[in-house]
């Protein structure tokens, strides 16, 4: 199956908007915050978005959105703490480098 010329930009836009909505949700409720699992999955999603692996990106975003289903018990984050603003800046950088 071949991709239409619009499919790649559309997938990129839809996935980046999905990530932005999740970040905005947590920015609006800083008390809840993102778990380490969600941060890791969002970073993975951005890596996949940057590489053009849209189905993998979608899966990572779903994992971040539905941590109640996917997050293992006692999950330990891979790196240090990252706040929502830093994630949003990283997403902007990923999107800027693709255009």
Protein backbone atom coordinates (compact mmCIF):
# COMPACT_ATOMS: atom_id res chain seq x y z
CA UNK A 1 0.00 0.00 0.00
CA UNK A 2 1.39 3.41 -0.93
CA UNK A 3 1.03 6.51 1.17
CA UNK A 4 -0.64 9.58 -0.22
CA UNK A 5 1.41 12.78 -0.19
CA UNK A 6 -0.84 14.14 2.57
CA UNK A 7 -0.67 11.09 4.85
CA UNK A 8 2.74 11.77 6.40
CA UNK A 9 2.11 15.43 7.28
CA UNK A 10 -1.37 14.53 8.53
CA UNK A 11 -0.07 11.71 10.75
CA UNK A 12 2.69 13.97 12.09
CA UNK A 13 0.23 16.77 12.83
CA UNK A 14 -2.35 14.50 14.46
CA UNK A 15 0.20 12.79 16.70
CA UNK A 16 1.91 16.03 17.71
CA UNK A 17 -1.48 17.51 18.61
CA UNK A 18 -2.29 14.43 20.66
CA UNK A 19 0.97 14.84 22.60
CA UNK A 20 0.28 18.56 23.06
CA UNK A 21 -3.22 17.85 24.43
CA UNK A 22 -1.80 15.44 27.00
CA UNK A 23 0.85 17.97 28.04
CA UNK A 24 -1.77 20.73 28.26
CA UNK A 25 -3.94 18.52 30.44
CA UNK A 26 -1.11 18.05 32.92
CA UNK A 27 -0.04 21.69 32.70
CA UNK A 28 -3.59 22.66 33.69
CA UNK A 29 -3.45 20.32 36.72
CA UNK A 30 0.11 20.54 38.05
CA UNK A 31 -0.87 18.78 41.29
CA UNK A 32 -1.44 15.53 39.42
CA UNK A 33 1.66 15.83 37.27
CA UNK A 34 3.11 13.24 34.92
CA UNK A 35 4.44 9.98 36.26
CA UNK A 36 7.91 8.79 35.33
CA UNK A 37 6.28 6.19 33.10
CA UNK A 38 4.33 8.84 31.22
CA UNK A 39 7.43 10.97 30.76
CA UNK A 40 9.37 8.02 29.37
CA UNK A 41 6.56 7.09 27.00
CA UNK A 42 6.21 10.69 25.78
CA UNK A 43 9.96 10.90 25.15
CA UNK A 44 9.76 7.61 23.24
CA UNK A 45 6.78 8.96 21.28
CA UNK A 46 8.74 12.06 20.30
CA UNK A 47 11.65 9.91 19.15
CA UNK A 48 9.28 7.85 16.99
CA UNK A 49 7.59 11.00 15.69
CA UNK A 50 10.96 12.42 14.71
CA UNK A 51 11.90 9.18 12.96
CA UNK A 52 8.59 8.95 11.11
CA UNK A 53 7.49 5.78 12.91
CA UNK A 54 3.92 6.91 13.40
CA UNK A 55 2.33 3.65 14.53
CA UNK A 56 5.01 3.27 17.22
CA UNK A 57 4.49 6.90 18.21
CA UNK A 58 0.76 6.34 18.51
CA UNK A 59 1.34 3.29 20.72
CA UNK A 60 3.66 5.26 23.05
CA UNK A 61 1.16 8.13 23.34
CA UNK A 62 -1.61 5.65 24.12
CA UNK A 63 0.58 4.16 26.88
CA UNK A 64 1.13 7.64 28.32
CA UNK A 65 -2.56 8.56 28.09
CA UNK A 66 -3.74 5.30 29.65
CA UNK A 67 -1.12 4.75 32.32
CA UNK A 68 -3.88 3.15 34.40
CA UNK A 69 -3.82 0.25 31.92
CA UNK A 70 -0.16 0.08 30.92
CA UNK A 71 2.08 1.37 33.71
CA UNK A 72 3.76 -1.50 35.56
CA UNK A 73 3.92 -1.45 39.34
CA UNK A 74 6.93 0.23 40.89
CA UNK A 75 8.05 1.67 37.56
CA UNK A 76 11.41 3.42 37.82
CA UNK A 77 12.03 6.29 35.44
CA UNK A 78 15.11 5.96 33.22
CA UNK A 79 16.45 9.46 33.87
CA UNK A 80 16.02 12.45 36.11
CA UNK A 81 12.79 14.40 36.55
CA UNK A 82 11.44 16.30 33.55
CA UNK A 83 8.63 18.83 33.76
CA UNK A 84 5.82 19.47 31.29
CA UNK A 85 7.44 22.67 30.00
CA UNK A 86 10.63 20.80 29.08
CA UNK A 87 8.60 18.14 27.26
CA UNK A 88 6.68 20.83 25.37
CA UNK A 89 9.96 22.48 24.35
CA UNK A 90 11.32 19.13 23.15
CA UNK A 91 8.19 18.56 21.05
CA UNK A 92 8.60 22.01 19.45
CA UNK A 93 12.21 21.17 18.65
CA UNK A 94 11.22 17.84 17.08
CA UNK A 95 8.58 19.54 14.94
CA UNK A 96 10.91 22.39 13.95
CA UNK A 97 13.58 19.94 12.76
CA UNK A 98 11.13 18.16 10.46
CA UNK A 99 9.88 21.09 8.50
